[in-house]
């Protein structure tokens, strides 16, 4: 306790975390692609997403005030939670999830889709967490990564606003950070290639991660890898890796 920073007045620092994952799959036929999207849509419906966000809220020491959720046609879901540092609690209604901490929020959206030509289907999840005051969402990263099959991960963290110490000096951050990677378990990081793009003077931090190893069986939907000829396995693996690299780099490298 004696090492805690002593502040004057209200801490109006806002910490924003944007967490995005992509899960990639090979689904050969149009029927398999539709089945994959339907499977993902059911696995990560608004009820499952609500559970993830409420657990996240508990992890950062906040209280859920209200929950709003929605499943979409033909696919996708959203959840929003209103949250608070205090003890006030209000039962939510609906099936979507959004979270707010005092003047902040937590949201999640899903986007299943598939490539029209190379039989690659992708599932994207976007989670945004904005917290005010002393709470930081970085402690939830291992939980979020483990909650999804994450082939590509992009994360943005930014601190806005300021608070004051007891002498009145402005403080534009209340915790030290050099990289988002510092908040991710070392064993998890070993599985990924990770790149940082940080703007330290503006308290802006960006990390993106790409899975290193592809176990083809894990990427086949309703198929057995041993039923495929070696050349077909190689072609599928190549297409999967190309799709991942383009998503990771944010550019159409192979066109």
Foldseek 3Di string as FASTA:
>chain_A
DVPAFAFDDFFFKKKKKKKKFKDKFFQPDPVSLVVVQVVVQVVDDLQNVQVLVCVLCVVQQKEWAEKEKDADPPGKIKIQTDIENDDDHHYYDYRHHKYHYPNWIKMKMKDWDADPPRRMTMIMMIIMTMYGDPTYSLLCVQVVPVVDVGQKMKMKMFMDDWTGGPVRDTDRDRDDDDASVVNYDPVVLVQWDKDWDDDVVRRMIMMMTGGDDDPNCVRYRPDDPVVDDPVVSVSSVVVRVQVRVCVRVVHNPPD
